[in-house]
Amino acid sequence: MKKIFICLCLCAMALFASAQNMGLKEITIPASVKVIYPDAFGGCGNLKRVIVQSETPPVAYGSSFNISYNDTSRDYKIILKVPDSSIDVYKDNFLQVL
């Protein structure tokens, strides 16, 4: 599974929602998601792109995107795409979790 599109009615990403999915490269999080719980995407070491559709950043925990599970042997980078009008808000409130 390379991409995940989350149901528009979902309001939270549960613990380990897609954990250890090494095939996952991209995820689209709809505006309905208000919370991303710890390790929702833990261990998804090939995740490269996260698209968040909400203008207000969802609450996310420091380990929500713990894609490496503390593997320091690789340089993990994720591209975050958000609404243009919300870039500064995401910089202030969301980037620390990626």
C-alpha atoms as a PDB file:
ATOM      1  CA  MET A   1       0.000   0.000   0.000  1.00  0.00           C
ATOM      2  CA  LYS A   2       1.696   3.198  -1.156  1.00  0.00           C
ATOM      3  CA  LYS A   3      -1.000   5.781  -0.418  1.00  0.00           C
ATOM      4  CA  ILE A   4      -3.719   6.108   2.176  1.00  0.00           C
ATOM      5  CA  PHE A   5      -6.753   8.336   1.800  1.00  0.00           C
ATOM      6  CA  ILE A   6      -8.609   8.675   5.069  1.00  0.00           C
ATOM      7  CA  CYS A   7     -12.400   8.730   5.258  1.00  0.00           C
ATOM      8  CA  LEU A   8     -13.769  12.276   5.390  1.00  0.00           C
ATOM      9  CA  CYS A   9     -15.836  11.416   8.469  1.00  0.00           C
ATOM     10  CA  LEU A  10     -12.872  10.276  10.591  1.00  0.00           C
ATOM     11  CA  CYS A  11     -12.030  12.654  13.445  1.00  0.00           C
ATOM     12  CA  ALA A  12      -8.904  11.015  14.924  1.00  0.00           C
ATOM     13  CA  MET A  13      -6.007   8.789  13.903  1.00  0.00           C
ATOM     14  CA  ALA A  14      -5.723   6.043  16.529  1.00  0.00           C
ATOM     15  CA  LEU A  15      -2.615   4.669  18.201  1.00  0.00           C
ATOM     16  CA  PHE A  16      -0.709   2.559  15.668  1.00  0.00           C
ATOM     17  CA  ALA A  17      -3.347   3.291  12.992  1.00  0.00           C
ATOM     18  CA  SER A  18      -0.922   2.463  10.211  1.00  0.00           C
ATOM     19  CA  ALA A  19       2.202   1.581  12.175  1.00  0.00           C
ATOM     20  CA  GLN A  20       4.975  -0.500  10.632  1.00  0.00           C
ATOM     21  CA  ASN A  21       3.625  -0.061   7.096  1.00  0.00           C
ATOM     22  CA  MET A  22       6.949   0.163   5.253  1.00  0.00           C
ATOM     23  CA  GLY A  23       5.159   0.375   1.903  1.00  0.00           C
ATOM     24  CA  LEU A  24       3.364   3.582   2.851  1.00  0.00           C
ATOM     25  CA  LYS A  25       4.806   6.566   0.969  1.00  0.00           C
ATOM     26  CA  GLU A  26       2.020   9.150   1.121  1.00  0.00           C
ATOM     27  CA  ILE A  27      -0.963   9.912   3.310  1.00  0.00           C
ATOM     28  CA  THR A  28      -3.777  12.419   2.888  1.00  0.00           C
ATOM     29  CA  ILE A  29      -5.348  13.543   6.161  1.00  0.00           C
ATOM     30  CA  PRO A  30      -8.752  15.194   5.659  1.00  0.00           C
ATOM     31  CA  ALA A  31      -9.863  18.331   7.484  1.00  0.00           C
ATOM     32  CA  SER A  32     -12.159  16.216   9.670  1.00  0.00           C
ATOM     33  CA  VAL A  33      -9.174  14.745  11.562  1.00  0.00           C
ATOM     34  CA  LYS A  34      -8.607  16.792  14.712  1.00  0.00           C
ATOM     35  CA  VAL A  35      -6.167  14.489  16.584  1.00  0.00           C
ATOM     36  CA  ILE A  36      -3.297  12.234  15.491  1.00  0.00           C
ATOM     37  CA  TYR A  37      -2.428   9.964  18.412  1.00  0.00           C
ATOM     38  CA  PRO A  38       1.083   8.736  19.276  1.00  0.00           C
ATOM     39  CA  ASP A  39       2.666   6.293  16.852  1.00  0.00           C
ATOM     40  CA  ALA A  40      -0.248   6.504  14.413  1.00  0.00           C
ATOM     41  CA  PHE A  41       2.402   6.227  11.697  1.00  0.00           C
ATOM     42  CA  GLY A  42       5.217   4.807  13.813  1.00  0.00           C
ATOM     43  CA  GLY A  43       7.744   2.767  11.910  1.00  0.00           C
ATOM     44  CA  CYS A  44       6.520   3.840   8.450  1.00  0.00           C
ATOM     45  CA  GLY A  45      10.112   4.373   7.366  1.00  0.00           C
ATOM     46  CA  ASN A  46       9.319   5.049   3.715  1.00  0.00           C
ATOM     47  CA  LEU A  47       6.692   7.735   4.350  1.00  0.00           C
ATOM     48  CA  LYS A  48       7.733  10.705   2.211  1.00  0.00           C
ATOM     49  CA  ARG A  49       4.691  12.963   1.925  1.00  0.00           C
ATOM     50  CA  VAL A  50       1.916  13.997   4.316  1.00  0.00           C
ATOM     51  CA  ILE A  51      -0.951  16.080   2.931  1.00  0.00           C
ATOM     52  CA  VAL A  52      -3.089  17.726   5.612  1.00  0.00           C
ATOM     53  CA  GLN A  53      -6.246  19.362   4.273  1.00  0.00           C
ATOM     54  CA  SER A  54      -7.280  21.249   7.417  1.00  0.00           C
ATOM     55  CA  GLU A  55      -6.519  24.952   7.746  1.00  0.00           C
ATOM     56  CA  THR A  56      -6.144  24.383  11.495  1.00  0.00           C
ATOM     57  CA  PRO A  57      -3.413  21.873  12.357  1.00  0.00           C
ATOM     58  CA  PRO A  58      -4.694  18.749  14.065  1.00  0.00           C
ATOM     59  CA  VAL A  59      -3.361  18.037  17.537  1.00  0.00           C
ATOM     60  CA  ALA A  60      -0.419  15.719  16.984  1.00  0.00           C
ATOM     61  CA  TYR A  61       1.921  14.173  19.489  1.00  0.00           C
ATOM     62  CA  GLY A  62       5.702  14.120  19.189  1.00  0.00           C
ATOM     63  CA  SER A  63       5.654  10.458  18.299  1.00  0.00           C
ATOM     64  CA  SER A  64       2.706  10.564  15.871  1.00  0.00           C
ATOM     65  CA  PHE A  65       5.100  10.308  12.933  1.00  0.00           C
ATOM     66  CA  ASN A  66       7.899   8.386  14.654  1.00  0.00           C
ATOM     67  CA  ILE A  67       8.735   6.814  11.315  1.00  0.00           C
ATOM     68  CA  SER A  68      12.228   5.730  12.266  1.00  0.00           C
ATOM     69  CA  TYR A  69      11.555   4.320  15.726  1.00  0.00           C
ATOM     70  CA  ASN A  70      14.763   6.149  16.648  1.00  0.00           C
ATOM     71  CA  ASP A  71      16.795   4.615  13.816  1.00  0.00           C
ATOM     72  CA  THR A  72      19.521   7.224  13.365  1.00  0.00           C
ATOM     73  CA  SER A  73      21.256   5.377  10.532  1.00  0.00           C
ATOM     74  CA  ARG A  74      19.044   7.058   7.902  1.00  0.00           C
ATOM     75  CA  ASP A  75      18.115  10.648   7.215  1.00  0.00           C
ATOM     76  CA  TYR A  76      14.315  10.668   7.299  1.00  0.00           C
ATOM     77  CA  LYS A  77      12.556  13.587   5.633  1.00  0.00           C
ATOM     78  CA  ILE A  78       8.854  14.100   5.090  1.00  0.00           C
ATOM     79  CA  ILE A  79       7.273  16.680   2.788  1.00  0.00           C
ATOM     80  CA  LEU A  80       4.309  18.336   4.486  1.00  0.00           C
ATOM     81  CA  LYS A  81       1.649  19.865   2.215  1.00  0.00           C
ATOM     82  CA  VAL A  82      -0.940  22.122   3.856  1.00  0.00           C
ATOM     83  CA  PRO A  83      -3.362  24.801   2.658  1.00  0.00           C
ATOM     84  CA  ASP A  84      -1.434  27.888   1.475  1.00  0.00           C
ATOM     85  CA  SER A  85      -3.321  30.130   3.887  1.00  0.00           C
ATOM     86  CA  SER A  86      -2.135  28.046   6.846  1.00  0.00           C
ATOM     87  CA  ILE A  87       1.586  27.611   6.252  1.00  0.00           C
ATOM     88  CA  ASP A  88       2.661  29.847   9.145  1.00  0.00           C
ATOM     89  CA  VAL A  89       0.243  28.206  11.578  1.00  0.00           C
ATOM     90  CA  TYR A  90       1.627  24.775  10.703  1.00  0.00           C
ATOM     91  CA  LYS A  91       5.213  26.004  11.056  1.00  0.00           C
ATOM     92  CA  ASP A  92       4.415  27.172  14.586  1.00  0.00           C
ATOM     93  CA  ASN A  93       2.274  24.240  15.698  1.00  0.00           C
ATOM     94  CA  PHE A  94       2.922  21.079  13.699  1.00  0.00           C
ATOM     95  CA  LEU A  95       6.436  20.758  12.313  1.00  0.00           C
ATOM     96  CA  GLN A  96       7.902  19.550  15.604  1.00  0.00           C
ATOM     97  CA  VAL A  97       6.076  16.237  15.173  1.00  0.00           C
ATOM     98  CA  LEU A  98       7.585  15.428  11.786  1.00  0.00           C
END
